[in-house]
N, C-alpha and C. Protein backbone atom coordinates (compact mmCIF):
# COMPACT_ATOMS: atom_id res chain seq x y z
N MET A 1 12.62 16.22 -7.75
CA MET A 1 12.61 16.44 -6.72
C MET A 1 11.58 15.67 -5.85
N GLN A 2 11.95 15.27 -4.64
CA GLN A 2 11.59 14.05 -3.82
C GLN A 2 9.89 14.46 -3.75
N LEU A 3 9.50 15.65 -3.11
CA LEU A 3 8.25 16.05 -3.07
C LEU A 3 7.22 15.91 -3.82
N GLN A 4 7.73 16.33 -5.32
CA GLN A 4 6.99 16.35 -6.35
C GLN A 4 6.36 14.88 -6.57
N GLY A 5 7.32 13.74 -5.99
CA GLY A 5 6.98 12.27 -6.36
C GLY A 5 6.01 11.93 -5.48
N LEU A 6 5.90 12.71 -4.36
CA LEU A 6 4.81 12.00 -3.21
C LEU A 6 3.37 12.33 -3.68
N LEU A 7 3.36 13.67 -4.89
CA LEU A 7 1.58 13.97 -5.33
C LEU A 7 1.34 13.21 -5.88
N PRO A 8 -0.37 12.99 -5.39
CA PRO A 8 -0.76 11.88 -5.92
C PRO A 8 -1.23 12.12 -7.46
N GLN A 9 -1.78 13.17 -7.82
CA GLN A 9 -1.82 13.41 -9.36
C GLN A 9 -0.84 14.06 -10.12
N SER A 10 -0.74 14.08 -11.42
CA SER A 10 0.15 15.11 -12.38
C SER A 10 0.03 16.09 -12.48
N ASP A 11 -1.27 16.81 -11.96
CA ASP A 11 -1.68 18.15 -12.12
C ASP A 11 -1.60 18.73 -10.85
N ASP A 12 -1.06 18.18 -9.92
CA ASP A 12 -1.12 19.18 -8.79
C ASP A 12 0.13 19.61 -8.65
N ILE A 13 0.03 20.51 -7.54
CA ILE A 13 1.09 21.93 -7.89
C ILE A 13 1.93 21.97 -6.67
N LEU A 14 3.10 21.97 -6.53
CA LEU A 14 4.23 22.04 -5.67
C LEU A 14 4.93 23.55 -5.86
N ALA A 15 4.77 24.48 -5.12
CA ALA A 15 5.48 25.65 -5.39
C ALA A 15 6.14 26.22 -4.31
N ARG A 16 7.45 27.02 -4.31
CA ARG A 16 7.85 27.59 -3.24
C ARG A 16 7.38 28.75 -2.82
N VAL A 17 6.70 29.24 -1.58
CA VAL A 17 6.20 29.97 -1.32
C VAL A 17 7.50 31.28 -1.07
N GLY A 18 8.26 30.97 -0.18
CA GLY A 18 9.19 31.60 0.12
C GLY A 18 10.00 31.34 1.05
N GLY A 19 11.39 31.53 1.10
CA GLY A 19 12.16 31.14 2.40
C GLY A 19 12.45 29.20 2.40
N ASP A 20 12.10 28.79 3.57
CA ASP A 20 11.84 27.46 3.69
C ASP A 20 10.53 27.13 3.63
N GLU A 21 9.51 27.87 2.95
CA GLU A 21 8.05 27.32 2.71
C GLU A 21 7.58 27.09 1.21
N PHE A 22 7.00 25.66 1.58
CA PHE A 22 6.47 25.57 0.13
C PHE A 22 5.12 25.27 0.30
N GLY A 23 4.28 25.59 -0.82
CA GLY A 23 3.07 25.37 -0.83
C GLY A 23 2.58 24.36 -2.18
N LEU A 24 1.25 23.28 -1.53
CA LEU A 24 1.05 22.37 -2.26
C LEU A 24 -0.25 22.60 -2.38
N LEU A 25 -1.08 22.29 -3.78
CA LEU A 25 -2.36 22.70 -4.40
C LEU A 25 -2.81 21.07 -4.58
N ILE A 26 -3.53 20.40 -4.10
CA ILE A 26 -3.49 18.94 -4.40
C ILE A 26 -4.96 18.44 -4.13
N LYS A 27 -5.32 17.88 -5.11
CA LYS A 27 -7.19 17.38 -5.10
C LYS A 27 -6.82 16.02 -4.06
N LEU A 28 -7.68 15.99 -2.82
CA LEU A 28 -7.71 15.06 -1.78
C LEU A 28 -9.28 14.45 -2.10
N ASN A 29 -9.16 13.14 -1.41
CA ASN A 29 -10.43 12.79 -1.09
C ASN A 29 -10.91 12.91 -0.06
N ASP A 30 -10.58 12.99 1.09
CA ASP A 30 -10.74 13.54 2.72
C ASP A 30 -9.63 13.97 3.19
N THR A 31 -9.79 14.01 4.49
CA THR A 31 -8.70 14.21 5.67
C THR A 31 -7.88 13.23 6.04
N ASP A 32 -8.33 11.93 5.67
CA ASP A 32 -7.47 10.47 5.91
C ASP A 32 -6.19 10.79 4.74
N HIS A 33 -6.68 11.03 3.53
CA HIS A 33 -5.65 11.07 2.36
C HIS A 33 -4.87 12.04 2.69
N ALA A 34 -5.19 13.28 3.16
CA ALA A 34 -4.19 14.58 3.68
C ALA A 34 -3.36 13.93 4.96
N ILE A 35 -3.77 13.00 5.71
CA ILE A 35 -3.02 12.59 6.60
C ILE A 35 -1.77 11.62 6.13
N LEU A 36 -2.18 10.55 4.91
CA LEU A 36 -1.61 9.54 4.42
C LEU A 36 -0.27 10.58 3.91
N ILE A 37 -0.63 11.69 3.15
CA ILE A 37 0.35 12.63 2.56
C ILE A 37 1.21 13.12 3.22
N GLY A 38 0.80 13.81 4.55
CA GLY A 38 1.44 14.38 5.41
C GLY A 38 2.78 13.90 6.22
N GLU A 39 2.07 12.37 6.45
CA GLU A 39 3.00 11.54 7.02
C GLU A 39 4.20 11.01 5.91
N ASP A 40 4.14 10.86 4.82
CA ASP A 40 4.73 10.59 3.48
C ASP A 40 5.91 11.90 3.48
N ILE A 41 5.33 13.09 3.27
CA ILE A 41 6.20 14.30 3.14
C ILE A 41 7.21 14.58 4.32
N LEU A 42 6.54 14.52 5.81
CA LEU A 42 7.47 14.27 6.65
C LEU A 42 8.69 13.33 6.93
N LYS A 43 8.37 12.02 6.33
CA LYS A 43 9.22 11.30 6.07
C LYS A 43 10.16 11.23 4.92
N ALA A 44 9.81 11.75 4.06
CA ALA A 44 10.43 11.95 2.55
C ALA A 44 11.39 13.21 3.18
N VAL A 45 11.36 14.51 4.09
CA VAL A 45 12.27 15.24 4.26
C VAL A 45 12.96 14.91 5.12
N GLN A 46 12.77 13.90 6.29
CA GLN A 46 13.93 13.58 7.04
C GLN A 46 14.44 12.83 6.59
N ASN A 47 14.35 11.86 5.58
CA ASN A 47 15.09 10.86 4.94
C ASN A 47 16.09 11.79 4.09
N ALA A 48 15.49 12.42 3.38
CA ALA A 48 16.50 13.61 2.51
C ALA A 48 17.52 14.25 3.30
N ALA A 49 16.99 14.96 4.46
CA ALA A 49 18.07 15.57 5.54
C ALA A 49 18.94 14.69 5.98
N ARG A 50 18.89 13.34 6.32
CA ARG A 50 19.88 12.46 6.67
C ARG A 50 20.86 12.09 5.58
N LYS A 51 20.19 12.17 4.37
CA LYS A 51 21.22 11.47 3.20
C LYS A 51 22.17 12.59 2.72
N VAL A 52 21.49 13.67 2.66
CA VAL A 52 21.81 15.16 1.78
C VAL A 52 23.11 15.58 2.69
N LEU A 53 22.46 15.85 4.38
CA LEU A 53 23.14 16.93 5.17
C LEU A 53 23.79 15.84 5.93
N ASP A 54 23.76 14.98 6.25
CA ASP A 54 24.00 13.92 7.45
C ASP A 54 23.46 14.58 8.76
N SER A 55 22.04 15.02 8.97
CA SER A 55 21.52 15.38 10.05
C SER A 55 19.93 15.76 9.98
N ALA A 56 19.38 16.00 11.35
CA ALA A 56 18.22 16.04 11.36
C ALA A 56 17.80 17.34 10.73
N LEU A 57 16.05 17.25 10.20
CA LEU A 57 15.79 18.79 9.78
C LEU A 57 14.24 18.50 10.06
N SER A 58 13.47 19.66 11.09
CA SER A 58 12.23 19.56 11.33
C SER A 58 11.58 19.92 10.22
N THR A 59 10.29 19.64 9.92
CA THR A 59 9.31 19.70 9.18
C THR A 59 7.87 20.10 9.78
N SER A 60 7.04 21.06 9.56
CA SER A 60 6.09 21.35 9.90
C SER A 60 4.81 21.39 8.62
N ILE A 61 3.75 20.92 9.06
CA ILE A 61 2.55 21.20 7.56
C ILE A 61 1.60 21.87 8.24
N GLY A 62 1.07 22.71 7.67
CA GLY A 62 -0.43 23.10 7.85
C GLY A 62 -1.25 22.82 6.62
N TRP A 63 -2.23 22.36 6.74
CA TRP A 63 -3.60 21.98 6.15
C TRP A 63 -4.68 22.91 6.25
N ALA A 64 -5.17 23.36 5.01
CA ALA A 64 -6.51 23.83 4.99
C ALA A 64 -6.86 23.19 3.76
N MET A 65 -8.68 23.00 3.86
CA MET A 65 -9.04 22.23 2.94
C MET A 65 -10.40 22.87 2.22
N PHE A 66 -10.39 22.89 0.76
CA PHE A 66 -11.32 23.51 -0.04
C PHE A 66 -12.53 22.77 0.20
N PRO A 67 -13.63 23.27 0.57
CA PRO A 67 -14.44 24.27 0.51
C PRO A 67 -14.32 24.87 2.03
N ALA A 68 -14.34 23.76 3.04
CA ALA A 68 -14.65 24.10 4.55
C ALA A 68 -14.16 25.02 5.19
N ASP A 69 -12.45 25.41 4.42
CA ASP A 69 -11.54 26.26 5.18
C ASP A 69 -11.53 27.75 4.39
N GLY A 70 -12.27 27.79 3.03
CA GLY A 70 -12.17 29.14 2.40
C GLY A 70 -12.20 28.48 0.93
N GLU A 71 -12.91 29.56 0.27
CA GLU A 71 -13.33 29.24 -1.04
C GLU A 71 -12.27 29.75 -2.51
N ASP A 72 -11.39 30.56 -2.20
CA ASP A 72 -10.23 31.08 -2.93
C ASP A 72 -8.80 30.75 -2.35
N VAL A 73 -7.98 30.95 -3.09
CA VAL A 73 -6.42 30.47 -2.78
C VAL A 73 -6.18 31.51 -1.58
N TYR A 74 -6.04 32.87 -1.31
CA TYR A 74 -5.75 33.82 -0.44
C TYR A 74 -6.42 33.13 0.84
N THR A 75 -7.59 32.79 1.14
CA THR A 75 -7.73 32.32 2.40
C THR A 75 -7.45 31.05 2.71
N LEU A 76 -7.33 29.99 1.78
CA LEU A 76 -6.92 28.92 2.04
C LEU A 76 -5.32 28.91 2.44
N MET A 77 -4.43 29.97 1.90
CA MET A 77 -3.23 29.72 2.27
C MET A 77 -3.11 30.64 3.55
N ALA A 78 -3.82 31.36 4.22
CA ALA A 78 -4.17 32.13 5.36
C ALA A 78 -4.53 31.12 6.38
N GLN A 79 -5.48 30.05 6.21
CA GLN A 79 -5.84 29.05 6.94
C GLN A 79 -4.87 28.03 7.36
N ALA A 80 -4.10 27.83 5.99
CA ALA A 80 -2.82 27.00 5.93
C ALA A 80 -2.01 27.34 6.86
N ASP A 81 -1.43 28.69 6.82
CA ASP A 81 -0.85 29.31 7.63
C ASP A 81 -0.94 29.42 9.40
N GLU A 82 -2.18 29.64 9.29
CA GLU A 82 -2.54 29.22 10.88
C GLU A 82 -1.96 27.78 11.43
N ALA A 83 -2.77 26.86 10.64
CA ALA A 83 -2.22 25.41 11.02
C ALA A 83 -0.78 25.09 11.23
N LEU A 84 -0.09 25.86 10.26
CA LEU A 84 1.24 25.62 10.30
C LEU A 84 1.86 26.01 11.31
N ALA A 85 1.28 27.59 11.86
CA ALA A 85 1.81 28.09 12.95
C ALA A 85 2.08 27.30 14.27
N GLU A 86 0.64 26.45 14.29
CA GLU A 86 0.27 25.70 15.47
C GLU A 86 1.24 24.46 15.47
N ALA A 87 1.60 23.87 14.39
CA ALA A 87 2.42 23.03 14.00
C ALA A 87 3.31 23.12 14.61
N LYS A 88 4.32 24.13 14.41
CA LYS A 88 5.13 24.35 14.69
C LYS A 88 5.63 24.78 16.09
N CYS A 89 4.68 25.20 16.76
CA CYS A 89 4.32 25.65 18.34
C CYS A 89 4.31 24.49 18.86
N GLN A 90 3.83 23.23 18.42
CA GLN A 90 4.03 22.04 18.79
C GLN A 90 5.69 21.35 18.88
N GLY A 91 6.38 21.78 18.21
CA GLY A 91 7.66 21.47 18.37
C GLY A 91 7.92 20.79 16.83
N GLY A 92 7.39 21.09 15.72
CA GLY A 92 7.40 20.46 14.79
C GLY A 92 7.30 18.91 14.31
N ASN A 93 7.89 18.45 13.22
CA ASN A 93 7.85 17.36 12.56
C ASN A 93 6.22 16.95 12.89
N ALA A 94 5.54 17.80 12.67
CA ALA A 94 3.98 17.34 12.69
C ALA A 94 3.28 18.15 11.68
N PHE A 95 2.01 17.60 11.48
CA PHE A 95 0.88 18.44 11.01
C PHE A 95 -0.22 18.61 11.43
N LYS A 96 -1.06 19.82 11.19
CA LYS A 96 -2.05 20.34 11.84
C LYS A 96 -3.09 20.82 10.52
N PHE A 97 -4.38 20.59 10.95
CA PHE A 97 -5.49 21.19 9.95
C PHE A 97 -5.81 22.36 10.55
N PHE A 98 -6.65 23.49 9.78
CA PHE A 98 -7.04 24.19 9.89
C PHE A 98 -8.37 23.95 10.38
N GLY A 99 -9.05 24.43 11.21
CA GLY A 99 -10.43 24.30 12.15
C GLY A 99 -10.24 23.69 13.94
N GLY A 100 -11.64 23.81 14.28
CA GLY A 100 -11.41 23.31 15.71
C GLY A 100 -10.79 24.51 16.69
N GLU A 101 -9.89 24.02 17.43
CA GLU A 101 -8.87 24.61 18.06
C GLU A 101 -7.41 25.63 17.36
N VAL A 102 -7.36 25.59 15.97
CA VAL A 102 -6.46 26.24 15.30
C VAL A 102 -7.81 27.56 14.89
N SER A 103 -8.43 27.18 14.21
CA SER A 103 -9.53 28.05 14.27
C SER A 103 -9.98 29.26 15.02
N ARG A 104 -10.29 28.54 16.34
CA ARG A 104 -10.78 29.06 17.19
C ARG A 104 -9.44 30.63 17.92
N ARG A 105 -8.38 29.94 17.81
CA ARG A 105 -7.40 30.65 18.13
C ARG A 105 -6.83 32.12 17.31
N ALA A 106 -7.40 31.66 16.02
CA ALA A 106 -7.12 32.18 15.12
C ALA A 106 -7.93 33.59 14.88
N GLN A 107 -9.56 33.74 15.37
CA GLN A 107 -10.81 33.95 15.42
C GLN A 107 -10.27 34.82 16.82
N GLN A 108 -9.85 34.24 17.65
CA GLN A 108 -9.62 35.02 18.92
C GLN A 108 -8.51 35.92 19.08
N ARG A 109 -7.43 35.91 17.73
CA ARG A 109 -6.55 36.73 17.81
C ARG A 109 -6.86 37.97 16.76
N LEU A 110 -7.75 37.64 15.65
CA LEU A 110 -8.37 38.73 15.17
C LEU A 110 -9.47 39.57 15.78
N TRP A 111 -10.14 38.95 16.94
CA TRP A 111 -11.10 39.76 17.82
C TRP A 111 -10.39 40.55 19.17
N VAL A 112 -9.10 40.07 19.05
CA VAL A 112 -8.54 41.12 19.99
C VAL A 112 -7.74 42.16 19.37
């Protein structure tokens, strides 16, 4: 699997969450490292879609970082899902981090 080859360490985890969504559990050094991996994932999916489907495929990524965005897998998955929704709203082929404006909008929805 092409995505598995992009993971920096052998004990990183790639799992299908459901439908067309995948979850990654990756040990990262910082957000810059996440940006590099995010760019590699976007390129790999687009290249595979062109090669296999002879078509374009939109990919969106939502990042949540431990411990800043949560200290358990359920919170981190929820925060990453919020960031994913924001990336999709911006047209796809992008990634977003939970925090800042994404966090503010999530808090506002909870408050309402």
